[in-house]
Amino acid sequence: MKRIPFICMVIMCLLSGCTSSTQSDSIYEWESIASDSDSAIESEPLQPITYEKNTYDTLNVATYLTKIGDTYFLSDCYHNQILFHDNVTDAISEWKVLTNNVHYAHTIAGDGTVLLIDDTENNRILVFERAGEGYVQTQTFDNVGMKPHFVQYDEKRQTFYAWSSITGEMYYFKRDTSTNEVFIEKILKIDELFGVYVRSFTIMEDDIYFISGHNNEKIIRANADTLEILETYSVTPEIAGMVQLVKIQDYYYITVSTDNQENQDYATIIRTKDLHSLADGEYEDIYDKFGIGGGTPYYITQIDGRYYMAHHRTSENIVVFDVINNEINNVQVLY
């Protein structure tokens, strides 16, 4: 595998104007060519490219907002682009485009040095490395299961988890700290999730929770290192097509996209203190507490003590809120 030294990337990035204060910042694009024997092979740099400003005034199916270091990253899924900016108060048209070489990318994860992006419809994971004030794409991993839909960085294990949403496979990625090269450490599989559309997972200490898909109607708790199934929680048909599960204070918050027939009219957000209660339909529907409706609550992230929920099918795309003593407060629509 040929890899360009990091210092060279920085020098070339600076020469191309990466730290310029003009409208767009220049970087070098790197071509990654996958082969059967190697999942990511880098070639020589192609040509300078620029960070262009986002040309859209609105988002089209925003799925995920996160903050890595001092930079916010946002998946504008149906516009096929990943955006970034230094604040969430400027208009969305002020954000820059990290990449638009994706098809329905859903999430972004980073460890402060590299970013991993799931390129869902292309079955790829893209790797970007910090270079000066910008980022350079350094690797591409092709053939990552089917529809990789969710990627997270677990700081405790210093591991990136990338989930193939249809095949039930988890790809464990590591970064070589001496070269910053990302590699696949292992691939594990939950056989009973093959063919089930599972949109996300949640790591809690040594456990990992896989939310229900519309066609299996249960949440699975497994060991985060081995994927050995430890417990299952049945859910009722109307909340089967889940998006994400996140623990906030005393409650498990769950965003729901569809019922077991993939009907989006059932999209909502619920919460419960006990996952076992979902089998009996005992949960609190809290969608109306956000002052919005008729859309699809999606991924929730915690940034600087506040919670940010992606939301689509309406004009409210990013909603921020606080949870104080288990009560939802200070709801605001950002975009």
C-alpha atoms as a PDB file:
ATOM      1  CA  MET A   1       0.000   0.000   0.000  1.00  0.00           C
ATOM      2  CA  LYS A   2       1.407   3.359  -0.999  1.00  0.00           C
ATOM      3  CA  ARG A   3       0.830   6.187   1.414  1.00  0.00           C
ATOM      4  CA  ILE A   4       1.873   9.828   1.158  1.00  0.00           C
ATOM      5  CA  PRO A   5       3.598  11.077   4.346  1.00  0.00           C
ATOM      6  CA  PHE A   6       1.442  13.361   6.418  1.00  0.00           C
ATOM      7  CA  ILE A   7       3.934  16.245   6.332  1.00  0.00           C
ATOM      8  CA  CYS A   8       3.748  16.233   2.537  1.00  0.00           C
ATOM      9  CA  MET A   9      -0.022  16.510   2.722  1.00  0.00           C
ATOM     10  CA  VAL A  10       0.254  19.501   5.024  1.00  0.00           C
ATOM     11  CA  ILE A  11       2.828  21.266   2.818  1.00  0.00           C
ATOM     12  CA  MET A  12       0.832  20.723  -0.355  1.00  0.00           C
ATOM     13  CA  CYS A  13      -2.370  21.699   1.382  1.00  0.00           C
ATOM     14  CA  LEU A  14      -0.802  24.981   2.553  1.00  0.00           C
ATOM     15  CA  LEU A  15       0.649  25.685  -0.896  1.00  0.00           C
ATOM     16  CA  SER A  16      -2.808  25.308  -2.378  1.00  0.00           C
ATOM     17  CA  GLY A  17      -4.292  27.868   0.002  1.00  0.00           C
ATOM     18  CA  CYS A  18      -5.837  25.642   2.646  1.00  0.00           C
ATOM     19  CA  THR A  19      -5.630  28.392   5.269  1.00  0.00           C
ATOM     20  CA  SER A  20      -6.921  31.128   3.011  1.00  0.00           C
ATOM     21  CA  SER A  21      -9.622  33.411   4.357  1.00  0.00           C
ATOM     22  CA  THR A  22     -11.351  33.565   0.990  1.00  0.00           C
ATOM     23  CA  GLN A  23     -14.675  31.947   0.253  1.00  0.00           C
ATOM     24  CA  SER A  24     -13.242  28.504  -0.423  1.00  0.00           C
ATOM     25  CA  ASP A  25     -10.239  26.641   0.993  1.00  0.00           C
ATOM     26  CA  SER A  26      -7.976  24.595  -1.273  1.00  0.00           C
ATOM     27  CA  ILE A  27      -6.926  21.035  -0.561  1.00  0.00           C
ATOM     28  CA  TYR A  28      -5.556  18.104  -2.507  1.00  0.00           C
ATOM     29  CA  GLU A  29      -7.787  15.201  -3.354  1.00  0.00           C
ATOM     30  CA  TRP A  30      -6.389  11.684  -3.089  1.00  0.00           C
ATOM     31  CA  GLU A  31      -7.595   8.799  -5.170  1.00  0.00           C
ATOM     32  CA  SER A  32      -8.168   5.518  -3.357  1.00  0.00           C
ATOM     33  CA  ILE A  33      -8.406   2.360  -5.433  1.00  0.00           C
ATOM     34  CA  ALA A  34      -9.739  -0.793  -3.824  1.00  0.00           C
ATOM     35  CA  SER A  35      -8.679  -4.263  -4.881  1.00  0.00           C
ATOM     36  CA  ASP A  36      -9.519  -7.785  -3.800  1.00  0.00           C
ATOM     37  CA  SER A  37      -6.323  -8.059  -1.778  1.00  0.00           C
ATOM     38  CA  ASP A  38      -6.378  -4.628  -0.222  1.00  0.00           C
ATOM     39  CA  SER A  39      -9.415  -2.636   0.835  1.00  0.00           C
ATOM     40  CA  ALA A  40      -7.812   0.794   0.421  1.00  0.00           C
ATOM     41  CA  ILE A  41      -4.828   1.702  -1.769  1.00  0.00           C
ATOM     42  CA  GLU A  42      -3.729   5.316  -2.126  1.00  0.00           C
ATOM     43  CA  SER A  43      -2.192   6.767  -5.278  1.00  0.00           C
ATOM     44  CA  GLU A  44      -0.400  10.010  -6.015  1.00  0.00           C
ATOM     45  CA  PRO A  45      -2.391  13.229  -5.485  1.00  0.00           C
ATOM     46  CA  LEU A  46      -4.600  14.134  -8.399  1.00  0.00           C
ATOM     47  CA  GLN A  47      -5.173  17.860  -8.513  1.00  0.00           C
ATOM     48  CA  PRO A  48      -6.021  20.716  -6.177  1.00  0.00           C
ATOM     49  CA  ILE A  49      -9.676  20.970  -5.263  1.00  0.00           C
ATOM     50  CA  THR A  50     -11.491  23.512  -3.128  1.00  0.00           C
ATOM     51  CA  TYR A  51     -13.935  23.552  -0.299  1.00  0.00           C
ATOM     52  CA  GLU A  52     -16.956  25.130  -1.902  1.00  0.00           C
ATOM     53  CA  LYS A  53     -19.673  26.812   0.055  1.00  0.00           C
ATOM     54  CA  ASN A  54     -22.934  24.955   0.336  1.00  0.00           C
ATOM     55  CA  THR A  55     -25.138  26.080  -2.537  1.00  0.00           C
ATOM     56  CA  TYR A  56     -28.433  25.111  -0.885  1.00  0.00           C
ATOM     57  CA  ASP A  57     -30.494  27.319   1.423  1.00  0.00           C
ATOM     58  CA  THR A  58     -32.183  24.346   3.073  1.00  0.00           C
ATOM     59  CA  LEU A  59     -31.313  20.794   4.054  1.00  0.00           C
ATOM     60  CA  ASN A  60     -32.732  17.739   2.327  1.00  0.00           C
ATOM     61  CA  VAL A  61     -33.103  14.888   4.840  1.00  0.00           C
ATOM     62  CA  ALA A  62     -30.566  15.920   7.444  1.00  0.00           C
ATOM     63  CA  THR A  63     -29.587  12.788   9.341  1.00  0.00           C
ATOM     64  CA  TYR A  64     -26.709  13.607  11.695  1.00  0.00           C
ATOM     65  CA  LEU A  65     -25.002  16.556  13.367  1.00  0.00           C
ATOM     66  CA  THR A  66     -21.837  16.154  15.415  1.00  0.00           C
ATOM     67  CA  LYS A  67     -18.948  18.239  16.713  1.00  0.00           C
ATOM     68  CA  ILE A  68     -15.366  16.993  16.439  1.00  0.00           C
ATOM     69  CA  GLY A  69     -12.840  19.333  18.019  1.00  0.00           C
ATOM     70  CA  ASP A  70     -14.065  22.833  17.277  1.00  0.00           C
ATOM     71  CA  THR A  71     -15.801  21.894  14.035  1.00  0.00           C
ATOM     72  CA  TYR A  72     -19.410  20.894  13.406  1.00  0.00           C
ATOM     73  CA  PHE A  73     -20.162  18.267  10.768  1.00  0.00           C
ATOM     74  CA  LEU A  74     -23.572  17.681   9.252  1.00  0.00           C
ATOM     75  CA  SER A  75     -24.884  15.020   6.916  1.00  0.00           C
ATOM     76  CA  ASP A  76     -27.162  16.586   4.312  1.00  0.00           C
ATOM     77  CA  CYS A  77     -28.161  13.119   3.202  1.00  0.00           C
ATOM     78  CA  TYR A  78     -30.361  13.589   0.146  1.00  0.00           C
ATOM     79  CA  HIS A  79     -28.200  16.416  -1.168  1.00  0.00           C
ATOM     80  CA  ASN A  80     -25.393  13.843  -1.117  1.00  0.00           C
ATOM     81  CA  GLN A  81     -22.973  15.988   0.838  1.00  0.00           C
ATOM     82  CA  ILE A  82     -21.208  16.327   4.172  1.00  0.00           C
ATOM     83  CA  LEU A  83     -21.049  19.911   5.434  1.00  0.00           C
ATOM     84  CA  PHE A  84     -18.809  21.504   8.060  1.00  0.00           C
ATOM     85  CA  HIS A  85     -18.645  24.840   9.874  1.00  0.00           C
ATOM     86  CA  ASP A  86     -17.360  26.442  13.056  1.00  0.00           C
ATOM     87  CA  ASN A  87     -20.786  27.317  14.481  1.00  0.00           C
ATOM     88  CA  VAL A  88     -24.458  26.423  14.261  1.00  0.00           C
ATOM     89  CA  THR A  89     -25.816  29.962  14.175  1.00  0.00           C
ATOM     90  CA  ASP A  90     -24.853  31.003  10.635  1.00  0.00           C
ATOM     91  CA  ALA A  91     -27.165  30.259   7.750  1.00  0.00           C
ATOM     92  CA  ILE A  92     -26.776  26.783   6.269  1.00  0.00           C
ATOM     93  CA  SER A  93     -25.555  28.407   3.045  1.00  0.00           C
ATOM     94  CA  GLU A  94     -22.466  29.587   4.947  1.00  0.00           C
ATOM     95  CA  TRP A  95     -21.343  26.016   5.642  1.00  0.00           C
ATOM     96  CA  LYS A  96     -18.647  24.447   3.463  1.00  0.00           C
ATOM     97  CA  VAL A  97     -18.806  21.113   1.664  1.00  0.00           C
ATOM     98  CA  LEU A  98     -16.304  18.552   2.928  1.00  0.00           C
ATOM     99  CA  THR A  99     -17.317  16.094   0.233  1.00  0.00           C
ATOM    100  CA  ASN A 100     -20.142  15.511  -2.201  1.00  0.00           C
ATOM    101  CA  ASN A 101     -18.622  12.284  -3.485  1.00  0.00           C
ATOM    102  CA  VAL A 102     -21.170  10.260  -1.538  1.00  0.00           C
ATOM    103  CA  HIS A 103     -24.602   8.773  -2.070  1.00  0.00           C
ATOM    104  CA  TYR A 104     -26.876   9.119   0.965  1.00  0.00           C
ATOM    105  CA  ALA A 105     -24.135   9.345   3.592  1.00  0.00           C
ATOM    106  CA  HIS A 106     -25.704   9.197   7.049  1.00  0.00           C
ATOM    107  CA  THR A 107     -23.088   9.733   9.782  1.00  0.00           C
ATOM    108  CA  ILE A 108     -19.614  11.058  10.562  1.00  0.00           C
ATOM    109  CA  ALA A 109     -17.225  10.001  13.343  1.00  0.00           C
ATOM    110  CA  GLY A 110     -13.775  11.241  14.330  1.00  0.00           C
ATOM    111  CA  ASP A 111     -11.019  10.777  16.863  1.00  0.00           C
ATOM    112  CA  GLY A 112      -9.440  14.224  16.427  1.00  0.00           C
ATOM    113  CA  THR A 113      -7.031  13.048  13.725  1.00  0.00           C
ATOM    114  CA  VAL A 114      -9.143  11.184  11.176  1.00  0.00           C
ATOM    115  CA  LEU A 115     -12.795  11.216  10.150  1.00  0.00           C
ATOM    116  CA  LEU A 116     -14.797   8.219   8.961  1.00  0.00           C
ATOM    117  CA  ILE A 117     -17.910   8.731   6.859  1.00  0.00           C
ATOM    118  CA  ASP A 118     -20.383   6.055   5.834  1.00  0.00           C
ATOM    119  CA  ASP A 119     -21.102   6.322   2.114  1.00  0.00           C
ATOM    120  CA  THR A 120     -24.257   4.269   2.458  1.00  0.00           C
ATOM    121  CA  GLU A 121     -25.519   3.564  -1.048  1.00  0.00           C
ATOM    122  CA  ASN A 122     -22.000   3.020  -2.387  1.00  0.00           C
ATOM    123  CA  ASN A 123     -21.214   0.497   0.371  1.00  0.00           C
ATOM    124  CA  ARG A 124     -18.084   2.425   1.317  1.00  0.00           C
ATOM    125  CA  ILE A 125     -16.329   3.999   4.270  1.00  0.00           C
ATOM    126  CA  LEU A 126     -14.353   7.159   3.468  1.00  0.00           C
ATOM    127  CA  VAL A 127     -11.402   8.288   5.580  1.00  0.00           C
ATOM    128  CA  PHE A 128     -10.305  11.914   5.871  1.00  0.00           C
ATOM    129  CA  GLU A 129      -7.193  13.062   7.696  1.00  0.00           C
ATOM    130  CA  ARG A 130      -6.548  16.412   9.314  1.00  0.00           C
ATOM    131  CA  ALA A 131      -4.114  18.505   7.275  1.00  0.00           C
ATOM    132  CA  GLY A 132      -3.463  22.047   8.466  1.00  0.00           C
ATOM    133  CA  GLU A 133      -6.822  23.767   8.717  1.00  0.00           C
ATOM    134  CA  GLY A 134      -8.520  21.316   6.414  1.00  0.00           C
ATOM    135  CA  TYR A 135      -9.070  17.639   5.720  1.00  0.00           C
ATOM    136  CA  VAL A 136      -7.711  15.407   2.984  1.00  0.00           C
ATOM    137  CA  GLN A 137      -9.344  12.185   1.881  1.00  0.00           C
ATOM    138  CA  THR A 138      -6.672   9.519   2.328  1.00  0.00           C
ATOM    139  CA  GLN A 139      -8.454   6.167   2.106  1.00  0.00           C
ATOM    140  CA  THR A 140     -11.556   4.482   0.770  1.00  0.00           C
ATOM    141  CA  PHE A 141     -12.826   1.120   1.987  1.00  0.00           C
ATOM    142  CA  ASP A 142     -15.063  -0.502  -0.608  1.00  0.00           C
ATOM    143  CA  ASN A 143     -17.449  -3.432  -0.188  1.00  0.00           C
ATOM    144  CA  VAL A 144     -18.296  -2.649   3.425  1.00  0.00           C
ATOM    145  CA  GLY A 145     -21.282  -4.960   3.742  1.00  0.00           C
ATOM    146  CA  MET A 146     -24.548  -3.579   2.400  1.00  0.00           C
ATOM    147  CA  LYS A 147     -25.676  -0.033   3.118  1.00  0.00           C
ATOM    148  CA  PRO A 148     -23.256   0.928   5.938  1.00  0.00           C
ATOM    149  CA  HIS A 149     -25.516   3.263   7.838  1.00  0.00           C
ATOM    150  CA  PHE A 150     -23.911   4.227  11.132  1.00  0.00           C
ATOM    151  CA  VAL A 151     -20.331   4.859  12.223  1.00  0.00           C
ATOM    152  CA  GLN A 152     -19.178   5.768  15.733  1.00  0.00           C
ATOM    153  CA  TYR A 153     -15.861   6.243  17.513  1.00  0.00           C
ATOM    154  CA  ASP A 154     -15.509   4.557  20.897  1.00  0.00           C
ATOM    155  CA  GLU A 155     -12.835   6.411  22.836  1.00  0.00           C
ATOM    156  CA  LYS A 156     -12.495   3.723  25.500  1.00  0.00           C
ATOM    157  CA  ARG A 157     -11.459   1.137  22.911  1.00  0.00           C
ATOM    158  CA  GLN A 158      -9.940   3.634  20.450  1.00  0.00           C
ATOM    159  CA  THR A 159     -12.000   1.910  17.790  1.00  0.00           C
ATOM    160  CA  PHE A 160     -14.327   3.030  15.026  1.00  0.00           C
ATOM    161  CA  TYR A 161     -17.454   0.886  14.700  1.00  0.00           C
ATOM    162  CA  ALA A 162     -19.106   0.852  11.255  1.00  0.00           C
ATOM    163  CA  TRP A 163     -22.397  -1.001  10.871  1.00  0.00           C
ATOM    164  CA  SER A 164     -23.613  -2.717   7.701  1.00  0.00           C
ATOM    165  CA  SER A 165     -27.333  -2.153   8.115  1.00  0.00           C
ATOM    166  CA  ILE A 166     -28.579  -5.085   6.013  1.00  0.00           C
ATOM    167  CA  THR A 167     -26.025  -7.863   6.559  1.00  0.00           C
ATOM    168  CA  GLY A 168     -25.718  -7.697  10.353  1.00  0.00           C
ATOM    169  CA  GLU A 169     -21.958  -7.103  10.150  1.00  0.00           C
ATOM    170  CA  MET A 170     -19.874  -4.789  12.312  1.00  0.00           C
ATOM    171  CA  TYR A 171     -16.584  -3.525  10.919  1.00  0.00           C
ATOM    172  CA  TYR A 172     -14.047  -2.608  13.597  1.00  0.00           C
ATOM    173  CA  PHE A 173     -11.598   0.038  12.336  1.00  0.00           C
ATOM    174  CA  LYS A 174      -8.400   1.122  14.064  1.00  0.00           C
ATOM    175  CA  ARG A 175      -5.941   3.926  13.350  1.00  0.00           C
ATOM    176  CA  ASP A 176      -2.198   3.251  13.371  1.00  0.00           C
ATOM    177  CA  THR A 177      -0.957   6.080  15.591  1.00  0.00           C
ATOM    178  CA  SER A 178       2.467   6.136  13.909  1.00  0.00           C
ATOM    179  CA  THR A 179       1.181   6.578  10.357  1.00  0.00           C
ATOM    180  CA  ASN A 180      -2.494   7.543  10.865  1.00  0.00           C
ATOM    181  CA  GLU A 181      -3.391   4.783   8.452  1.00  0.00           C
ATOM    182  CA  VAL A 182      -6.802   3.276   9.172  1.00  0.00           C
ATOM    183  CA  PHE A 183      -7.231  -0.487   8.918  1.00  0.00           C
ATOM    184  CA  ILE A 184      -9.921  -3.071   9.569  1.00  0.00           C
ATOM    185  CA  GLU A 185      -9.121  -4.922  12.773  1.00  0.00           C
ATOM    186  CA  LYS A 186     -11.954  -7.428  12.487  1.00  0.00           C
ATOM    187  CA  ILE A 187     -15.442  -8.020  11.130  1.00  0.00           C
ATOM    188  CA  LEU A 188     -18.062  -9.643  13.345  1.00  0.00           C
ATOM    189  CA  LYS A 189     -21.594 -10.671  12.504  1.00  0.00           C
ATOM    190  CA  ILE A 190     -24.926 -11.195  14.232  1.00  0.00           C
ATOM    191  CA  ASP A 191     -26.491 -13.889  12.078  1.00  0.00           C
ATOM    192  CA  GLU A 192     -30.077 -13.180  13.054  1.00  0.00           C
ATOM    193  CA  LEU A 193     -29.760  -9.585  11.849  1.00  0.00           C
ATOM    194  CA  PHE A 194     -28.879 -10.615   8.297  1.00  0.00           C
ATOM    195  CA  GLY A 195     -31.611  -9.191   6.070  1.00  0.00           C
ATOM    196  CA  VAL A 196     -32.956  -6.933   8.836  1.00  0.00           C
ATOM    197  CA  TYR A 197     -32.741  -3.176   8.243  1.00  0.00           C
ATOM    198  CA  VAL A 198     -31.106  -1.921  11.447  1.00  0.00           C
ATOM    199  CA  ARG A 199     -30.327   1.789  11.260  1.00  0.00           C
ATOM    200  CA  SER A 200     -28.013   2.185  14.266  1.00  0.00           C
ATOM    201  CA  PHE A 201     -26.432   0.876  17.441  1.00  0.00           C
ATOM    202  CA  THR A 202     -25.556   2.392  20.805  1.00  0.00           C
ATOM    203  CA  ILE A 203     -22.467   1.554  22.860  1.00  0.00           C
ATOM    204  CA  MET A 204     -22.934   1.721  26.633  1.00  0.00           C
ATOM    205  CA  GLU A 205     -19.827   0.656  28.557  1.00  0.00           C
ATOM    206  CA  ASP A 206     -19.206  -2.975  27.528  1.00  0.00           C
ATOM    207  CA  ASP A 207     -22.612  -3.468  25.895  1.00  0.00           C
ATOM    208  CA  ILE A 208     -23.881  -2.553  22.469  1.00  0.00           C
ATOM    209  CA  TYR A 209     -27.595  -2.142  21.692  1.00  0.00           C
ATOM    210  CA  PHE A 210     -29.028  -2.732  18.218  1.00  0.00           C
ATOM    211  CA  ILE A 211     -32.383  -1.086  17.683  1.00  0.00           C
ATOM    212  CA  SER A 212     -35.322  -2.945  16.193  1.00  0.00           C
ATOM    213  CA  GLY A 213     -35.772  -3.212  12.461  1.00  0.00           C
ATOM    214  CA  HIS A 214     -39.253  -3.183  10.983  1.00  0.00           C
ATOM    215  CA  ASN A 215     -38.987  -6.909  10.203  1.00  0.00           C
ATOM    216  CA  ASN A 216     -37.613  -8.306  13.460  1.00  0.00           C
ATOM    217  CA  GLU A 217     -39.459  -6.297  16.173  1.00  0.00           C
ATOM    218  CA  LYS A 218     -36.834  -6.523  18.902  1.00  0.00           C
ATOM    219  CA  ILE A 219     -33.881  -4.695  20.391  1.00  0.00           C
ATOM    220  CA  ILE A 220     -30.725  -6.735  20.891  1.00  0.00           C
ATOM    221  CA  ARG A 221     -28.157  -6.166  23.635  1.00  0.00           C
ATOM    222  CA  ALA A 222     -24.766  -7.733  22.887  1.00  0.00           C
ATOM    223  CA  ASN A 223     -21.171  -7.631  24.027  1.00  0.00           C
ATOM    224  CA  ALA A 224     -19.438  -4.704  22.328  1.00  0.00           C
ATOM    225  CA  ASP A 225     -16.231  -6.641  21.702  1.00  0.00           C
ATOM    226  CA  THR A 226     -17.596 -10.000  20.573  1.00  0.00           C
ATOM    227  CA  LEU A 227     -21.216  -9.280  19.519  1.00  0.00           C
ATOM    228  CA  GLU A 228     -22.332 -12.219  21.640  1.00  0.00           C
ATOM    229  CA  ILE A 229     -26.059 -11.691  22.244  1.00  0.00           C
ATOM    230  CA  LEU A 230     -26.795 -11.102  25.926  1.00  0.00           C
ATOM    231  CA  GLU A 231     -30.481 -10.151  25.930  1.00  0.00           C
ATOM    232  CA  THR A 232     -33.368  -9.252  23.626  1.00  0.00           C
ATOM    233  CA  TYR A 233     -36.299  -6.907  24.166  1.00  0.00           C
ATOM    234  CA  SER A 234     -39.470  -7.401  22.135  1.00  0.00           C
ATOM    235  CA  VAL A 235     -41.251  -4.306  20.837  1.00  0.00           C
ATOM    236  CA  THR A 236     -44.763  -3.702  19.565  1.00  0.00           C
ATOM    237  CA  PRO A 237     -45.406  -3.488  15.778  1.00  0.00           C
ATOM    238  CA  GLU A 238     -46.162   0.248  15.725  1.00  0.00           C
ATOM    239  CA  ILE A 239     -42.620   1.171  16.889  1.00  0.00           C
ATOM    240  CA  ALA A 240     -40.698  -1.636  15.158  1.00  0.00           C
ATOM    241  CA  GLY A 241     -38.925   0.500  12.529  1.00  0.00           C
ATOM    242  CA  MET A 242     -36.629   2.299  14.944  1.00  0.00           C
ATOM    243  CA  VAL A 243     -33.872   4.791  14.164  1.00  0.00           C
ATOM    244  CA  GLN A 244     -31.848   5.182  17.352  1.00  0.00           C
ATOM    245  CA  LEU A 245     -31.756   4.463  21.065  1.00  0.00           C
ATOM    246  CA  VAL A 246     -29.956   6.838  23.436  1.00  0.00           C
ATOM    247  CA  LYS A 247     -29.876   6.957  27.239  1.00  0.00           C
ATOM    248  CA  ILE A 248     -30.525  10.432  28.668  1.00  0.00           C
ATOM    249  CA  GLN A 249     -30.657  10.636  32.451  1.00  0.00           C
ATOM    250  CA  ASP A 250     -33.218   8.053  33.662  1.00  0.00           C
ATOM    251  CA  TYR A 251     -34.823   7.299  30.297  1.00  0.00           C
ATOM    252  CA  TYR A 252     -34.075   5.477  27.077  1.00  0.00           C
ATOM    253  CA  TYR A 253     -35.075   7.798  24.241  1.00  0.00           C
ATOM    254  CA  ILE A 254     -35.960   6.044  20.986  1.00  0.00           C
ATOM    255  CA  THR A 255     -36.626   7.672  17.637  1.00  0.00           C
ATOM    256  CA  VAL A 256     -38.981   5.746  15.353  1.00  0.00           C
ATOM    257  CA  SER A 257     -39.227   5.969  11.567  1.00  0.00           C
ATOM    258  CA  THR A 258     -41.939   3.418  10.718  1.00  0.00           C
ATOM    259  CA  ASP A 259     -44.074   0.604  12.021  1.00  0.00           C
ATOM    260  CA  ASN A 260     -43.501  -3.019  11.017  1.00  0.00           C
ATOM    261  CA  GLN A 261     -45.091  -2.310   7.607  1.00  0.00           C
ATOM    262  CA  GLU A 262     -42.702   0.590   6.894  1.00  0.00           C
ATOM    263  CA  ASN A 263     -45.486   3.151   7.240  1.00  0.00           C
ATOM    264  CA  GLN A 264     -43.929   6.541   8.050  1.00  0.00           C
ATOM    265  CA  ASP A 265     -47.177   7.776   9.591  1.00  0.00           C
ATOM    266  CA  TYR A 266     -45.952   6.036  12.752  1.00  0.00           C
ATOM    267  CA  ALA A 267     -42.765   8.127  12.977  1.00  0.00           C
ATOM    268  CA  THR A 268     -42.336   9.527  16.480  1.00  0.00           C
ATOM    269  CA  ILE A 269     -40.028   9.732  19.482  1.00  0.00           C
ATOM    270  CA  ILE A 270     -40.713   7.757  22.644  1.00  0.00           C
ATOM    271  CA  ARG A 271     -39.028   7.123  25.960  1.00  0.00           C
ATOM    272  CA  THR A 272     -39.108   4.513  28.701  1.00  0.00           C
ATOM    273  CA  LYS A 273     -37.183   3.728  31.863  1.00  0.00           C
ATOM    274  CA  ASP A 274     -37.291  -0.013  31.192  1.00  0.00           C
ATOM    275  CA  LEU A 275     -36.764  -1.561  27.764  1.00  0.00           C
ATOM    276  CA  HIS A 276     -38.708  -4.660  28.828  1.00  0.00           C
ATOM    277  CA  SER A 277     -41.861  -2.527  29.002  1.00  0.00           C
ATOM    278  CA  LEU A 278     -41.821  -1.972  25.239  1.00  0.00           C
ATOM    279  CA  ALA A 279     -43.225  -5.460  24.661  1.00  0.00           C
ATOM    280  CA  ASP A 280     -46.436  -4.401  26.407  1.00  0.00           C
ATOM    281  CA  GLY A 281     -46.636  -1.032  24.694  1.00  0.00           C
ATOM    282  CA  GLU A 282     -45.738   0.780  27.903  1.00  0.00           C
ATOM    283  CA  TYR A 283     -43.809   3.877  26.918  1.00  0.00           C
ATOM    284  CA  GLU A 284     -44.278   7.633  26.728  1.00  0.00           C
ATOM    285  CA  ASP A 285     -44.744   9.252  23.328  1.00  0.00           C
ATOM    286  CA  ILE A 286     -42.989  12.632  23.606  1.00  0.00           C
ATOM    287  CA  TYR A 287     -43.071  13.903  20.028  1.00  0.00           C
ATOM    288  CA  ASP A 288     -45.485  16.728  20.886  1.00  0.00           C
ATOM    289  CA  LYS A 289     -43.087  18.099  23.510  1.00  0.00           C
ATOM    290  CA  PHE A 290     -40.882  19.392  20.690  1.00  0.00           C
ATOM    291  CA  GLY A 291     -43.597  21.535  19.121  1.00  0.00           C
ATOM    292  CA  ILE A 292     -43.188  19.833  15.768  1.00  0.00           C
ATOM    293  CA  GLY A 293     -44.934  16.937  14.067  1.00  0.00           C
ATOM    294  CA  GLY A 294     -45.600  15.121  10.843  1.00  0.00           C
ATOM    295  CA  GLY A 295     -41.950  14.357  10.209  1.00  0.00           C
ATOM    296  CA  THR A 296     -39.381  11.762  11.192  1.00  0.00           C
ATOM    297  CA  PRO A 297     -37.182  12.239  14.271  1.00  0.00           C
ATOM    298  CA  TYR A 298     -33.812  10.744  13.415  1.00  0.00           C
ATOM    299  CA  TYR A 299     -30.372  10.591  15.069  1.00  0.00           C
ATOM    300  CA  ILE A 300     -29.741  12.396  18.361  1.00  0.00           C
ATOM    301  CA  THR A 301     -26.286  13.572  19.442  1.00  0.00           C
ATOM    302  CA  GLN A 302     -25.017  15.305  22.565  1.00  0.00           C
ATOM    303  CA  ILE A 303     -22.815  18.346  21.973  1.00  0.00           C
ATOM    304  CA  ASP A 304     -21.506  20.552  24.773  1.00  0.00           C
ATOM    305  CA  GLY A 305     -24.246  19.441  27.153  1.00  0.00           C
ATOM    306  CA  ARG A 306     -27.173  19.950  24.750  1.00  0.00           C
ATOM    307  CA  TYR A 307     -28.989  17.459  22.523  1.00  0.00           C
ATOM    308  CA  TYR A 308     -29.304  17.850  18.770  1.00  0.00           C
ATOM    309  CA  MET A 309     -31.925  15.856  16.882  1.00  0.00           C
ATOM    310  CA  ALA A 310     -31.959  15.506  13.117  1.00  0.00           C
ATOM    311  CA  HIS A 311     -35.511  15.571  11.770  1.00  0.00           C
ATOM    312  CA  HIS A 312     -36.855  15.271   8.260  1.00  0.00           C
ATOM    313  CA  ARG A 313     -39.996  15.293   6.097  1.00  0.00           C
ATOM    314  CA  THR A 314     -40.813  18.782   7.428  1.00  0.00           C
ATOM    315  CA  SER A 315     -39.067  22.165   7.336  1.00  0.00           C
ATOM    316  CA  GLU A 316     -37.621  21.566  10.830  1.00  0.00           C
ATOM    317  CA  ASN A 317     -34.351  19.768  10.104  1.00  0.00           C
ATOM    318  CA  ILE A 318     -32.145  20.233  13.179  1.00  0.00           C
ATOM    319  CA  VAL A 319     -33.762  20.600  16.597  1.00  0.00           C
ATOM    320  CA  VAL A 320     -31.786  21.355  19.762  1.00  0.00           C
ATOM    321  CA  PHE A 321     -33.076  20.782  23.290  1.00  0.00           C
ATOM    322  CA  ASP A 322     -32.061  20.358  26.918  1.00  0.00           C
ATOM    323  CA  VAL A 323     -33.090  17.663  29.363  1.00  0.00           C
ATOM    324  CA  ILE A 324     -33.271  18.969  32.932  1.00  0.00           C
ATOM    325  CA  ASN A 325     -34.391  16.588  35.673  1.00  0.00           C
ATOM    326  CA  ASN A 326     -35.860  14.316  32.982  1.00  0.00           C
ATOM    327  CA  GLU A 327     -37.896  17.153  31.501  1.00  0.00           C
ATOM    328  CA  ILE A 328     -37.455  18.424  27.950  1.00  0.00           C
ATOM    329  CA  ASN A 329     -36.713  22.149  27.909  1.00  0.00           C
ATOM    330  CA  ASN A 330     -35.467  24.974  25.704  1.00  0.00           C
ATOM    331  CA  VAL A 331     -36.474  23.421  22.395  1.00  0.00           C
ATOM    332  CA  GLN A 332     -35.175  25.373  19.409  1.00  0.00           C
ATOM    333  CA  VAL A 333     -35.234  24.744  15.675  1.00  0.00           C
ATOM    334  CA  LEU A 334     -31.776  25.589  14.280  1.00  0.00           C
ATOM    335  CA  TYR A 335     -32.267  24.666  10.629  1.00  0.00           C
END
